[in-house]
Amino acid sequence: MKDYFKSPPFYITVGILLFVGIIYWFTRDKFYIEYTNAAQIKIANKWELPRVLEEVSGIDYIDKERIACIQDEVGELFIYNLVSKQIEKRIKFAENDDFEGVAMVGNKAYIMRSDGKIFSIDDIRVENPVIEKYDTQMSFKYDFEGLCYDKKKDRLLLAAKSNGPDDDDKFKPVFEFKLGSKQLTDVPIYQLFYDDPIFEGLESAGTPKIFRTSEIHIHPKTGDIYMLDGVIGKLLILSSNWQPKSLYIFNPSDFPQPEGITFDPDGKTFISNEGEWKPANILEVVISEKSNDSTQTAKDSLR
């Protein structure tokens, strides 16, 4: 044993451990996060999803029994039944790729690829629905993840996780896709700036890491706009005229990777999480207005 500590394998092992330790030290991005108090975000119900939906990347409400789900590696739409807790239907719409969002417009489904390309399924009820696709000519560097239907203006909203091809841009954009013309506007309708006052006090304020949009949706009763960050789980609520109102920071024990949010017609809220060490899930949550004493300090690491 003594000879081992003087042997080349020992020194190689020590060297590797030191190298890994140094890399970790200089690349880690630890900071203190004030998680929103659990009393402000109550989990009312939970559905564990089957393994095929481990990478669930977007959801949208269909009816009181069913949720439309998309996962970011398979070109299929999954209809999940909340009562039977089973997938009741799968609809193929494209070859496997990186799909990030789904929006229901009546019985029609729109699915978004991460480069902004839109696919549509004309009627999810029929056996052989018509599939169409719309090339929006957007850069893959936007890394689109959020998609929802804006009923008031008959358009889809596309929210980007990244700032796009121009590294000088200090915001995450939201674009609109007009359903009448099937055209995407080339100028953002909203820009979430890294240094917005809503982020004041957070370690990453002013940097691209402060909010990496994973989903967007409009509350059916208030008209407020809900945006999720799936990396360090956050919920940003904006007014209908895009003014930030509230920021909730999720405890990763309950929301390990929130990638989807949707509402029923009465405003009941559902949030989906991709699976990590535990199965992916859909949570029914009750979100209360924040008070001045609604946070608790915890330590976390950016990924």
C-alpha atoms as a PDB file:
ATOM      1  CA  MET A   1       0.000   0.000   0.000  1.00  0.00           C
ATOM      2  CA  LYS A   2       2.832   2.407   0.842  1.00  0.00           C
ATOM      3  CA  ASP A   3       4.329   1.785  -2.568  1.00  0.00           C
ATOM      4  CA  TYR A   4       1.032   2.763  -4.189  1.00  0.00           C
ATOM      5  CA  PHE A   5       1.192   6.268  -2.716  1.00  0.00           C
ATOM      6  CA  LYS A   6       4.523   6.714  -4.463  1.00  0.00           C
ATOM      7  CA  SER A   7       3.426   5.177  -7.761  1.00  0.00           C
ATOM      8  CA  PRO A   8       2.483   7.031 -10.993  1.00  0.00           C
ATOM      9  CA  PRO A   9      -1.200   5.933 -10.811  1.00  0.00           C
ATOM     10  CA  PHE A  10      -1.528   7.644  -7.431  1.00  0.00           C
ATOM     11  CA  TYR A  11      -0.124  10.934  -8.706  1.00  0.00           C
ATOM     12  CA  ILE A  12      -2.267  10.706 -11.832  1.00  0.00           C
ATOM     13  CA  THR A  13      -5.382  10.205  -9.687  1.00  0.00           C
ATOM     14  CA  VAL A  14      -4.493  13.134  -7.437  1.00  0.00           C
ATOM     15  CA  GLY A  15      -3.825  15.292 -10.477  1.00  0.00           C
ATOM     16  CA  ILE A  16      -7.199  14.463 -11.997  1.00  0.00           C
ATOM     17  CA  LEU A  17      -9.003  15.237  -8.737  1.00  0.00           C
ATOM     18  CA  LEU A  18      -7.193  18.555  -8.395  1.00  0.00           C
ATOM     19  CA  PHE A  19      -7.972  19.463 -11.996  1.00  0.00           C
ATOM     20  CA  VAL A  20     -11.672  18.648 -11.579  1.00  0.00           C
ATOM     21  CA  GLY A  21     -11.779  20.600  -8.318  1.00  0.00           C
ATOM     22  CA  ILE A  22     -10.211  23.670  -9.897  1.00  0.00           C
ATOM     23  CA  ILE A  23     -12.571  23.544 -12.881  1.00  0.00           C
ATOM     24  CA  TYR A  24     -15.560  23.255 -10.562  1.00  0.00           C
ATOM     25  CA  TRP A  25     -14.374  26.155  -8.399  1.00  0.00           C
ATOM     26  CA  PHE A  26     -13.972  28.546 -11.291  1.00  0.00           C
ATOM     27  CA  THR A  27     -17.086  27.542 -13.243  1.00  0.00           C
ATOM     28  CA  ARG A  28     -19.582  27.222 -10.423  1.00  0.00           C
ATOM     29  CA  ASP A  29     -22.104  30.004 -10.125  1.00  0.00           C
ATOM     30  CA  LYS A  30     -23.421  29.720  -6.613  1.00  0.00           C
ATOM     31  CA  PHE A  31     -25.516  32.418  -5.038  1.00  0.00           C
ATOM     32  CA  TYR A  32     -28.161  32.827  -2.408  1.00  0.00           C
ATOM     33  CA  ILE A  33     -31.703  32.532  -3.646  1.00  0.00           C
ATOM     34  CA  GLU A  34     -34.741  33.588  -1.698  1.00  0.00           C
ATOM     35  CA  TYR A  35     -37.229  30.867  -2.535  1.00  0.00           C
ATOM     36  CA  THR A  36     -40.824  31.995  -2.416  1.00  0.00           C
ATOM     37  CA  ASN A  37     -42.455  30.705   0.746  1.00  0.00           C
ATOM     38  CA  ALA A  38     -44.323  27.454   0.147  1.00  0.00           C
ATOM     39  CA  ALA A  39     -47.462  29.060   1.586  1.00  0.00           C
ATOM     40  CA  GLN A  40     -47.559  31.325  -1.473  1.00  0.00           C
ATOM     41  CA  ILE A  41     -47.430  28.419  -3.950  1.00  0.00           C
ATOM     42  CA  LYS A  42     -49.479  25.453  -2.804  1.00  0.00           C
ATOM     43  CA  ILE A  43     -49.541  22.160  -4.688  1.00  0.00           C
ATOM     44  CA  ALA A  44     -53.159  21.009  -4.850  1.00  0.00           C
ATOM     45  CA  ASN A  45     -52.672  17.944  -7.042  1.00  0.00           C
ATOM     46  CA  LYS A  46     -49.919  15.986  -8.737  1.00  0.00           C
ATOM     47  CA  TRP A  47     -49.742  13.645 -11.724  1.00  0.00           C
ATOM     48  CA  GLU A  48     -46.568  11.668 -12.366  1.00  0.00           C
ATOM     49  CA  LEU A  49     -46.072  11.295 -16.098  1.00  0.00           C
ATOM     50  CA  PRO A  50     -44.995   8.112 -17.910  1.00  0.00           C
ATOM     51  CA  ARG A  51     -41.375   7.753 -18.925  1.00  0.00           C
ATOM     52  CA  VAL A  52     -42.014   8.735 -22.561  1.00  0.00           C
ATOM     53  CA  LEU A  53     -42.844  12.223 -21.227  1.00  0.00           C
ATOM     54  CA  GLU A  54     -39.738  12.497 -19.071  1.00  0.00           C
ATOM     55  CA  GLU A  55     -38.646  15.418 -21.267  1.00  0.00           C
ATOM     56  CA  VAL A  56     -42.056  17.140 -21.223  1.00  0.00           C
ATOM     57  CA  SER A  57     -41.359  20.607 -22.584  1.00  0.00           C
ATOM     58  CA  GLY A  58     -44.802  22.138 -22.975  1.00  0.00           C
ATOM     59  CA  ILE A  59     -48.432  21.635 -21.997  1.00  0.00           C
ATOM     60  CA  ASP A  60     -51.797  23.180 -22.812  1.00  0.00           C
ATOM     61  CA  TYR A  61     -55.289  22.659 -21.469  1.00  0.00           C
ATOM     62  CA  ILE A  62     -57.816  20.808 -23.648  1.00  0.00           C
ATOM     63  CA  ASP A  63     -60.717  20.117 -21.283  1.00  0.00           C
ATOM     64  CA  LYS A  64     -61.321  19.179 -17.650  1.00  0.00           C
ATOM     65  CA  GLU A  65     -59.969  15.677 -18.254  1.00  0.00           C
ATOM     66  CA  ARG A  66     -57.185  16.194 -20.789  1.00  0.00           C
ATOM     67  CA  ILE A  67     -53.922  18.069 -21.212  1.00  0.00           C
ATOM     68  CA  ALA A  68     -51.933  18.306 -24.458  1.00  0.00           C
ATOM     69  CA  CYS A  69     -48.239  17.562 -23.911  1.00  0.00           C
ATOM     70  CA  ILE A  70     -45.154  17.874 -26.054  1.00  0.00           C
ATOM     71  CA  GLN A  71     -41.700  16.542 -25.312  1.00  0.00           C
ATOM     72  CA  ASP A  72     -38.514  17.985 -26.689  1.00  0.00           C
ATOM     73  CA  GLU A  73     -37.151  14.924 -28.439  1.00  0.00           C
ATOM     74  CA  VAL A  74     -40.173  13.391 -30.204  1.00  0.00           C
ATOM     75  CA  GLY A  75     -42.329  14.740 -33.047  1.00  0.00           C
ATOM     76  CA  GLU A  76     -45.573  13.588 -31.469  1.00  0.00           C
ATOM     77  CA  LEU A  77     -48.369  15.303 -29.584  1.00  0.00           C
ATOM     78  CA  PHE A  78     -49.432  13.414 -26.459  1.00  0.00           C
ATOM     79  CA  ILE A  79     -52.958  13.678 -25.057  1.00  0.00           C
ATOM     80  CA  TYR A  80     -52.716  12.977 -21.325  1.00  0.00           C
ATOM     81  CA  ASN A  81     -55.850  12.062 -19.365  1.00  0.00           C
ATOM     82  CA  LEU A  82     -55.889  13.541 -15.858  1.00  0.00           C
ATOM     83  CA  VAL A  83     -58.574  11.092 -14.695  1.00  0.00           C
ATOM     84  CA  SER A  84     -57.122   7.808 -15.949  1.00  0.00           C
ATOM     85  CA  LYS A  85     -53.558   9.149 -15.521  1.00  0.00           C
ATOM     86  CA  GLN A  86     -52.672   7.644 -18.873  1.00  0.00           C
ATOM     87  CA  ILE A  87     -51.719   8.828 -22.344  1.00  0.00           C
ATOM     88  CA  GLU A  88     -54.903   8.295 -24.332  1.00  0.00           C
ATOM     89  CA  LYS A  89     -53.612   9.359 -27.732  1.00  0.00           C
ATOM     90  CA  ARG A  90     -50.402  10.117 -29.638  1.00  0.00           C
ATOM     91  CA  ILE A  91     -50.400  12.130 -32.866  1.00  0.00           C
ATOM     92  CA  LYS A  92     -47.350  12.093 -35.126  1.00  0.00           C
ATOM     93  CA  PHE A  93     -46.724  15.477 -36.758  1.00  0.00           C
ATOM     94  CA  ALA A  94     -42.987  15.520 -37.615  1.00  0.00           C
ATOM     95  CA  GLU A  95     -39.730  13.637 -37.415  1.00  0.00           C
ATOM     96  CA  ASN A  96     -37.997  13.690 -34.049  1.00  0.00           C
ATOM     97  CA  ASP A  97     -36.404  17.034 -33.245  1.00  0.00           C
ATOM     98  CA  ASP A  98     -36.302  19.695 -30.525  1.00  0.00           C
ATOM     99  CA  PHE A  99     -39.930  20.665 -29.840  1.00  0.00           C
ATOM    100  CA  GLU A 100     -40.589  23.089 -27.015  1.00  0.00           C
ATOM    101  CA  GLY A 101     -44.148  24.411 -26.930  1.00  0.00           C
ATOM    102  CA  VAL A 102     -47.765  23.562 -27.694  1.00  0.00           C
ATOM    103  CA  ALA A 103     -50.808  25.817 -27.991  1.00  0.00           C
ATOM    104  CA  MET A 104     -54.396  24.671 -28.441  1.00  0.00           C
ATOM    105  CA  VAL A 105     -56.813  26.762 -30.506  1.00  0.00           C
ATOM    106  CA  GLY A 106     -60.100  24.903 -30.234  1.00  0.00           C
ATOM    107  CA  ASN A 107     -59.364  21.401 -31.525  1.00  0.00           C
ATOM    108  CA  LYS A 108     -56.346  22.584 -33.478  1.00  0.00           C
ATOM    109  CA  ALA A 109     -52.854  22.229 -32.033  1.00  0.00           C
ATOM    110  CA  TYR A 110     -49.811  24.350 -32.816  1.00  0.00           C
ATOM    111  CA  ILE A 111     -46.364  23.045 -31.908  1.00  0.00           C
ATOM    112  CA  MET A 112     -43.154  25.066 -31.924  1.00  0.00           C
ATOM    113  CA  ARG A 113     -39.646  23.856 -32.679  1.00  0.00           C
ATOM    114  CA  SER A 114     -36.744  25.557 -30.913  1.00  0.00           C
ATOM    115  CA  ASP A 115     -35.788  27.424 -34.099  1.00  0.00           C
ATOM    116  CA  GLY A 116     -39.240  29.044 -34.216  1.00  0.00           C
ATOM    117  CA  LYS A 117     -40.738  26.824 -36.921  1.00  0.00           C
ATOM    118  CA  ILE A 118     -44.443  26.182 -36.317  1.00  0.00           C
ATOM    119  CA  PHE A 119     -46.296  22.910 -36.981  1.00  0.00           C
ATOM    120  CA  SER A 120     -50.072  22.578 -36.883  1.00  0.00           C
ATOM    121  CA  ILE A 121     -52.436  19.637 -36.398  1.00  0.00           C
ATOM    122  CA  ASP A 122     -55.791  20.700 -37.811  1.00  0.00           C
ATOM    123  CA  ASP A 123     -57.987  18.524 -35.558  1.00  0.00           C
ATOM    124  CA  ILE A 124     -56.687  16.374 -32.703  1.00  0.00           C
ATOM    125  CA  ARG A 125     -59.950  14.382 -32.624  1.00  0.00           C
ATOM    126  CA  VAL A 126     -59.603  12.717 -36.037  1.00  0.00           C
ATOM    127  CA  GLU A 127     -57.491   9.718 -36.978  1.00  0.00           C
ATOM    128  CA  ASN A 128     -55.525  11.292 -39.826  1.00  0.00           C
ATOM    129  CA  PRO A 129     -55.368  15.028 -39.209  1.00  0.00           C
ATOM    130  CA  VAL A 130     -53.876  17.440 -41.718  1.00  0.00           C
ATOM    131  CA  ILE A 131     -50.370  18.540 -40.744  1.00  0.00           C
ATOM    132  CA  GLU A 132     -48.945  21.859 -41.883  1.00  0.00           C
ATOM    133  CA  LYS A 133     -45.722  23.673 -41.107  1.00  0.00           C
ATOM    134  CA  TYR A 134     -44.716  27.316 -41.248  1.00  0.00           C
ATOM    135  CA  ASP A 135     -41.117  28.401 -41.648  1.00  0.00           C
ATOM    136  CA  THR A 136     -40.694  31.589 -39.635  1.00  0.00           C
ATOM    137  CA  GLN A 137     -37.112  32.211 -40.833  1.00  0.00           C
ATOM    138  CA  MET A 138     -35.899  32.840 -37.293  1.00  0.00           C
ATOM    139  CA  SER A 139     -32.418  32.091 -35.996  1.00  0.00           C
ATOM    140  CA  PHE A 140     -31.934  28.938 -33.952  1.00  0.00           C
ATOM    141  CA  LYS A 141     -29.835  31.112 -31.637  1.00  0.00           C
ATOM    142  CA  TYR A 142     -33.029  32.442 -30.068  1.00  0.00           C
ATOM    143  CA  ASP A 143     -33.667  28.947 -28.679  1.00  0.00           C
ATOM    144  CA  PHE A 144     -37.446  29.378 -28.545  1.00  0.00           C
ATOM    145  CA  GLU A 145     -39.144  27.541 -25.675  1.00  0.00           C
ATOM    146  CA  GLY A 146     -42.351  29.403 -24.831  1.00  0.00           C
ATOM    147  CA  LEU A 147     -45.540  29.239 -26.917  1.00  0.00           C
ATOM    148  CA  CYS A 148     -49.137  30.228 -26.190  1.00  0.00           C
ATOM    149  CA  TYR A 149     -52.321  31.419 -27.874  1.00  0.00           C
ATOM    150  CA  ASP A 150     -53.495  34.997 -27.392  1.00  0.00           C
ATOM    151  CA  LYS A 151     -57.233  34.710 -28.006  1.00  0.00           C
ATOM    152  CA  LYS A 152     -57.872  38.444 -27.802  1.00  0.00           C
ATOM    153  CA  LYS A 153     -55.562  39.178 -30.745  1.00  0.00           C
ATOM    154  CA  ASP A 154     -55.764  35.800 -32.513  1.00  0.00           C
ATOM    155  CA  ARG A 155     -52.042  35.227 -32.470  1.00  0.00           C
ATOM    156  CA  LEU A 156     -49.382  32.964 -31.034  1.00  0.00           C
ATOM    157  CA  LEU A 157     -46.734  34.345 -28.707  1.00  0.00           C
ATOM    158  CA  LEU A 158     -43.223  32.899 -29.067  1.00  0.00           C
ATOM    159  CA  ALA A 159     -40.838  33.498 -26.168  1.00  0.00           C
ATOM    160  CA  ALA A 160     -37.096  33.022 -26.577  1.00  0.00           C
ATOM    161  CA  LYS A 161     -34.805  31.498 -23.982  1.00  0.00           C
ATOM    162  CA  SER A 162     -31.789  33.335 -25.432  1.00  0.00           C
ATOM    163  CA  ASN A 163     -31.280  36.817 -26.831  1.00  0.00           C
ATOM    164  CA  GLY A 164     -30.687  35.612 -30.391  1.00  0.00           C
ATOM    165  CA  PRO A 165     -27.927  36.241 -32.924  1.00  0.00           C
ATOM    166  CA  ASP A 166     -27.021  39.713 -31.625  1.00  0.00           C
ATOM    167  CA  ASP A 167     -24.950  39.260 -28.484  1.00  0.00           C
ATOM    168  CA  ASP A 168     -25.271  42.975 -27.744  1.00  0.00           C
ATOM    169  CA  ASP A 169     -28.986  42.623 -27.043  1.00  0.00           C
ATOM    170  CA  LYS A 170     -29.599  42.770 -23.300  1.00  0.00           C
ATOM    171  CA  PHE A 171     -33.041  41.250 -23.272  1.00  0.00           C
ATOM    172  CA  LYS A 172     -35.050  38.107 -23.970  1.00  0.00           C
ATOM    173  CA  PRO A 173     -37.589  38.766 -26.761  1.00  0.00           C
ATOM    174  CA  VAL A 174     -41.181  37.709 -27.341  1.00  0.00           C
ATOM    175  CA  PHE A 175     -42.476  37.615 -30.931  1.00  0.00           C
ATOM    176  CA  GLU A 176     -45.984  37.263 -32.349  1.00  0.00           C
ATOM    177  CA  PHE A 177     -47.173  34.857 -35.043  1.00  0.00           C
ATOM    178  CA  LYS A 178     -50.402  36.137 -36.571  1.00  0.00           C
ATOM    179  CA  LEU A 179     -52.777  33.282 -37.276  1.00  0.00           C
ATOM    180  CA  GLY A 180     -54.661  35.214 -39.936  1.00  0.00           C
ATOM    181  CA  SER A 181     -51.644  35.784 -42.158  1.00  0.00           C
ATOM    182  CA  LYS A 182     -49.510  32.935 -40.770  1.00  0.00           C
ATOM    183  CA  GLN A 183     -46.661  35.424 -40.513  1.00  0.00           C
ATOM    184  CA  LEU A 184     -44.173  36.061 -37.724  1.00  0.00           C
ATOM    185  CA  THR A 185     -43.273  39.652 -36.947  1.00  0.00           C
ATOM    186  CA  ASP A 186     -39.532  40.218 -37.218  1.00  0.00           C
ATOM    187  CA  VAL A 187     -39.529  42.807 -34.407  1.00  0.00           C
ATOM    188  CA  PRO A 188     -40.214  41.660 -30.821  1.00  0.00           C
ATOM    189  CA  ILE A 189     -43.480  42.790 -29.284  1.00  0.00           C
ATOM    190  CA  TYR A 190     -41.849  42.614 -25.847  1.00  0.00           C
ATOM    191  CA  GLN A 191     -38.318  42.715 -24.493  1.00  0.00           C
ATOM    192  CA  LEU A 192     -37.551  41.363 -21.015  1.00  0.00           C
ATOM    193  CA  PHE A 193     -34.429  43.280 -20.034  1.00  0.00           C
ATOM    194  CA  TYR A 194     -31.801  41.642 -17.846  1.00  0.00           C
ATOM    195  CA  ASP A 195     -31.699  44.673 -15.542  1.00  0.00           C
ATOM    196  CA  ASP A 196     -35.453  45.055 -15.068  1.00  0.00           C
ATOM    197  CA  PRO A 197     -36.162  46.287 -11.498  1.00  0.00           C
ATOM    198  CA  ILE A 198     -38.210  43.122 -10.843  1.00  0.00           C
ATOM    199  CA  PHE A 199     -34.878  41.254 -10.625  1.00  0.00           C
ATOM    200  CA  GLU A 200     -33.292  43.676  -8.166  1.00  0.00           C
ATOM    201  CA  GLY A 201     -31.356  41.890  -5.431  1.00  0.00           C
ATOM    202  CA  LEU A 202     -30.742  38.685  -7.385  1.00  0.00           C
ATOM    203  CA  GLU A 203     -27.119  37.737  -7.994  1.00  0.00           C
ATOM    204  CA  SER A 204     -27.503  37.325 -11.750  1.00  0.00           C
ATOM    205  CA  ALA A 205     -29.471  40.545 -12.316  1.00  0.00           C
ATOM    206  CA  GLY A 206     -28.176  42.306 -15.404  1.00  0.00           C
ATOM    207  CA  THR A 207     -26.895  39.102 -17.028  1.00  0.00           C
ATOM    208  CA  PRO A 208     -28.449  36.612 -19.484  1.00  0.00           C
ATOM    209  CA  LYS A 209     -28.732  34.080 -16.649  1.00  0.00           C
ATOM    210  CA  ILE A 210     -31.285  36.121 -14.744  1.00  0.00           C
ATOM    211  CA  PHE A 211     -34.219  34.673 -16.681  1.00  0.00           C
ATOM    212  CA  ARG A 212     -34.128  31.891 -19.265  1.00  0.00           C
ATOM    213  CA  THR A 213     -37.683  31.680 -20.532  1.00  0.00           C
ATOM    214  CA  SER A 214     -39.113  28.169 -20.760  1.00  0.00           C
ATOM    215  CA  GLU A 215     -42.809  28.976 -21.197  1.00  0.00           C
ATOM    216  CA  ILE A 216     -45.352  31.750 -21.627  1.00  0.00           C
ATOM    217  CA  HIS A 217     -49.121  31.797 -21.124  1.00  0.00           C
ATOM    218  CA  ILE A 218     -51.979  34.248 -20.615  1.00  0.00           C
ATOM    219  CA  HIS A 219     -54.275  33.981 -17.602  1.00  0.00           C
ATOM    220  CA  PRO A 220     -57.856  33.561 -18.899  1.00  0.00           C
ATOM    221  CA  LYS A 221     -59.443  35.743 -16.199  1.00  0.00           C
ATOM    222  CA  THR A 222     -56.964  38.535 -15.499  1.00  0.00           C
ATOM    223  CA  GLY A 223     -55.186  38.753 -18.847  1.00  0.00           C
ATOM    224  CA  ASP A 224     -51.877  38.719 -16.982  1.00  0.00           C
ATOM    225  CA  ILE A 225     -48.934  37.144 -18.775  1.00  0.00           C
ATOM    226  CA  TYR A 226     -47.130  34.294 -17.021  1.00  0.00           C
ATOM    227  CA  MET A 227     -43.546  33.423 -17.945  1.00  0.00           C
ATOM    228  CA  LEU A 228     -41.501  30.525 -16.560  1.00  0.00           C
ATOM    229  CA  ASP A 229     -37.755  30.106 -16.157  1.00  0.00           C
ATOM    230  CA  GLY A 230     -36.935  26.394 -16.230  1.00  0.00           C
ATOM    231  CA  VAL A 231     -33.252  26.569 -15.266  1.00  0.00           C
ATOM    232  CA  ILE A 232     -33.490  28.226 -11.861  1.00  0.00           C
ATOM    233  CA  GLY A 233     -37.242  27.836 -11.505  1.00  0.00           C
ATOM    234  CA  LYS A 234     -39.013  31.185 -11.516  1.00  0.00           C
ATOM    235  CA  LEU A 235     -42.455  32.501 -12.362  1.00  0.00           C
ATOM    236  CA  LEU A 236     -42.699  36.063 -13.637  1.00  0.00           C
ATOM    237  CA  ILE A 237     -46.161  37.614 -13.800  1.00  0.00           C
ATOM    238  CA  LEU A 238     -46.695  40.635 -16.020  1.00  0.00           C
ATOM    239  CA  SER A 239     -49.787  42.756 -16.528  1.00  0.00           C
ATOM    240  CA  SER A 240     -51.665  42.575 -19.808  1.00  0.00           C
ATOM    241  CA  ASN A 241     -49.619  45.559 -21.010  1.00  0.00           C
ATOM    242  CA  TRP A 242     -46.341  43.764 -20.227  1.00  0.00           C
ATOM    243  CA  GLN A 243     -45.483  45.494 -16.967  1.00  0.00           C
ATOM    244  CA  PRO A 244     -43.726  43.116 -14.509  1.00  0.00           C
ATOM    245  CA  LYS A 245     -45.825  42.670 -11.359  1.00  0.00           C
ATOM    246  CA  SER A 246     -44.513  39.726  -9.339  1.00  0.00           C
ATOM    247  CA  LEU A 247     -41.590  37.325  -9.341  1.00  0.00           C
ATOM    248  CA  TYR A 248     -41.809  33.939  -7.626  1.00  0.00           C
ATOM    249  CA  ILE A 249     -38.754  31.738  -7.165  1.00  0.00           C
ATOM    250  CA  PHE A 250     -39.564  28.050  -6.902  1.00  0.00           C
ATOM    251  CA  ASN A 251     -38.010  25.603  -4.501  1.00  0.00           C
ATOM    252  CA  PRO A 252     -36.401  22.963  -6.760  1.00  0.00           C
ATOM    253  CA  SER A 253     -37.589  20.225  -4.421  1.00  0.00           C
ATOM    254  CA  ASP A 254     -41.090  20.848  -5.777  1.00  0.00           C
ATOM    255  CA  PHE A 255     -40.252  22.396  -9.155  1.00  0.00           C
ATOM    256  CA  PRO A 256     -36.991  20.826 -10.388  1.00  0.00           C
ATOM    257  CA  GLN A 257     -37.398  22.017 -13.992  1.00  0.00           C
ATOM    258  CA  PRO A 258     -40.645  23.881 -14.737  1.00  0.00           C
ATOM    259  CA  GLU A 259     -41.091  23.852 -18.513  1.00  0.00           C
ATOM    260  CA  GLY A 260     -44.832  24.223 -19.063  1.00  0.00           C
ATOM    261  CA  ILE A 261     -47.752  26.220 -17.685  1.00  0.00           C
ATOM    262  CA  THR A 262     -51.422  26.304 -18.640  1.00  0.00           C
ATOM    263  CA  PHE A 263     -54.812  27.262 -17.206  1.00  0.00           C
ATOM    264  CA  ASP A 264     -58.348  25.965 -17.311  1.00  0.00           C
ATOM    265  CA  PRO A 265     -61.067  28.507 -18.264  1.00  0.00           C
ATOM    266  CA  ASP A 266     -61.531  29.486 -14.602  1.00  0.00           C
ATOM    267  CA  GLY A 267     -57.844  30.145 -14.040  1.00  0.00           C
ATOM    268  CA  LYS A 268     -56.866  26.883 -12.358  1.00  0.00           C
ATOM    269  CA  THR A 269     -53.109  26.637 -12.862  1.00  0.00           C
ATOM    270  CA  PHE A 270     -51.080  23.640 -14.046  1.00  0.00           C
ATOM    271  CA  ILE A 271     -47.273  23.554 -14.195  1.00  0.00           C
ATOM    272  CA  SER A 272     -45.240  20.707 -15.696  1.00  0.00           C
ATOM    273  CA  ASN A 273     -41.719  19.695 -14.695  1.00  0.00           C
ATOM    274  CA  GLU A 274     -39.257  17.674 -16.706  1.00  0.00           C
ATOM    275  CA  GLY A 275     -37.958  14.575 -14.973  1.00  0.00           C
ATOM    276  CA  GLU A 276     -34.542  14.512 -13.384  1.00  0.00           C
ATOM    277  CA  TRP A 277     -34.030  12.140 -10.481  1.00  0.00           C
ATOM    278  CA  LYS A 278     -37.795  11.817 -10.150  1.00  0.00           C
ATOM    279  CA  PRO A 279     -40.520  11.233 -12.775  1.00  0.00           C
ATOM    280  CA  ALA A 280     -41.735  14.209 -14.783  1.00  0.00           C
ATOM    281  CA  ASN A 281     -45.006  15.606 -13.503  1.00  0.00           C
ATOM    282  CA  ILE A 282     -47.902  17.982 -13.897  1.00  0.00           C
ATOM    283  CA  LEU A 283     -48.805  19.961 -10.791  1.00  0.00           C
ATOM    284  CA  GLU A 284     -52.030  21.770 -10.075  1.00  0.00           C
ATOM    285  CA  VAL A 285     -50.947  24.806  -8.076  1.00  0.00           C
ATOM    286  CA  VAL A 286     -52.604  27.630  -6.185  1.00  0.00           C
ATOM    287  CA  ILE A 287     -50.600  30.848  -6.354  1.00  0.00           C
ATOM    288  CA  SER A 288     -51.291  33.553  -3.765  1.00  0.00           C
ATOM    289  CA  GLU A 289     -50.343  37.190  -4.003  1.00  0.00           C
ATOM    290  CA  LYS A 290     -46.963  37.830  -2.481  1.00  0.00           C
ATOM    291  CA  SER A 291     -46.640  39.636   0.839  1.00  0.00           C
ATOM    292  CA  ASN A 292     -43.617  41.499   2.176  1.00  0.00           C
ATOM    293  CA  ASP A 293     -42.625  38.438   4.195  1.00  0.00           C
ATOM    294  CA  SER A 294     -43.049  35.777   1.541  1.00  0.00           C
ATOM    295  CA  THR A 295     -39.507  34.530   1.024  1.00  0.00           C
ATOM    296  CA  GLN A 296     -37.095  32.211   2.711  1.00  0.00           C
ATOM    297  CA  THR A 297     -33.358  32.100   2.100  1.00  0.00           C
ATOM    298  CA  ALA A 298     -31.738  29.005   0.618  1.00  0.00           C
ATOM    299  CA  LYS A 299     -28.569  28.180  -1.275  1.00  0.00           C
ATOM    300  CA  ASP A 300     -28.500  26.872  -4.811  1.00  0.00           C
ATOM    301  CA  SER A 301     -26.270  26.555  -7.866  1.00  0.00           C
ATOM    302  CA  LEU A 302     -26.911  27.834 -11.342  1.00  0.00           C
ATOM    303  CA  ARG A 303     -26.734  25.206 -14.062  1.00  0.00           C
END
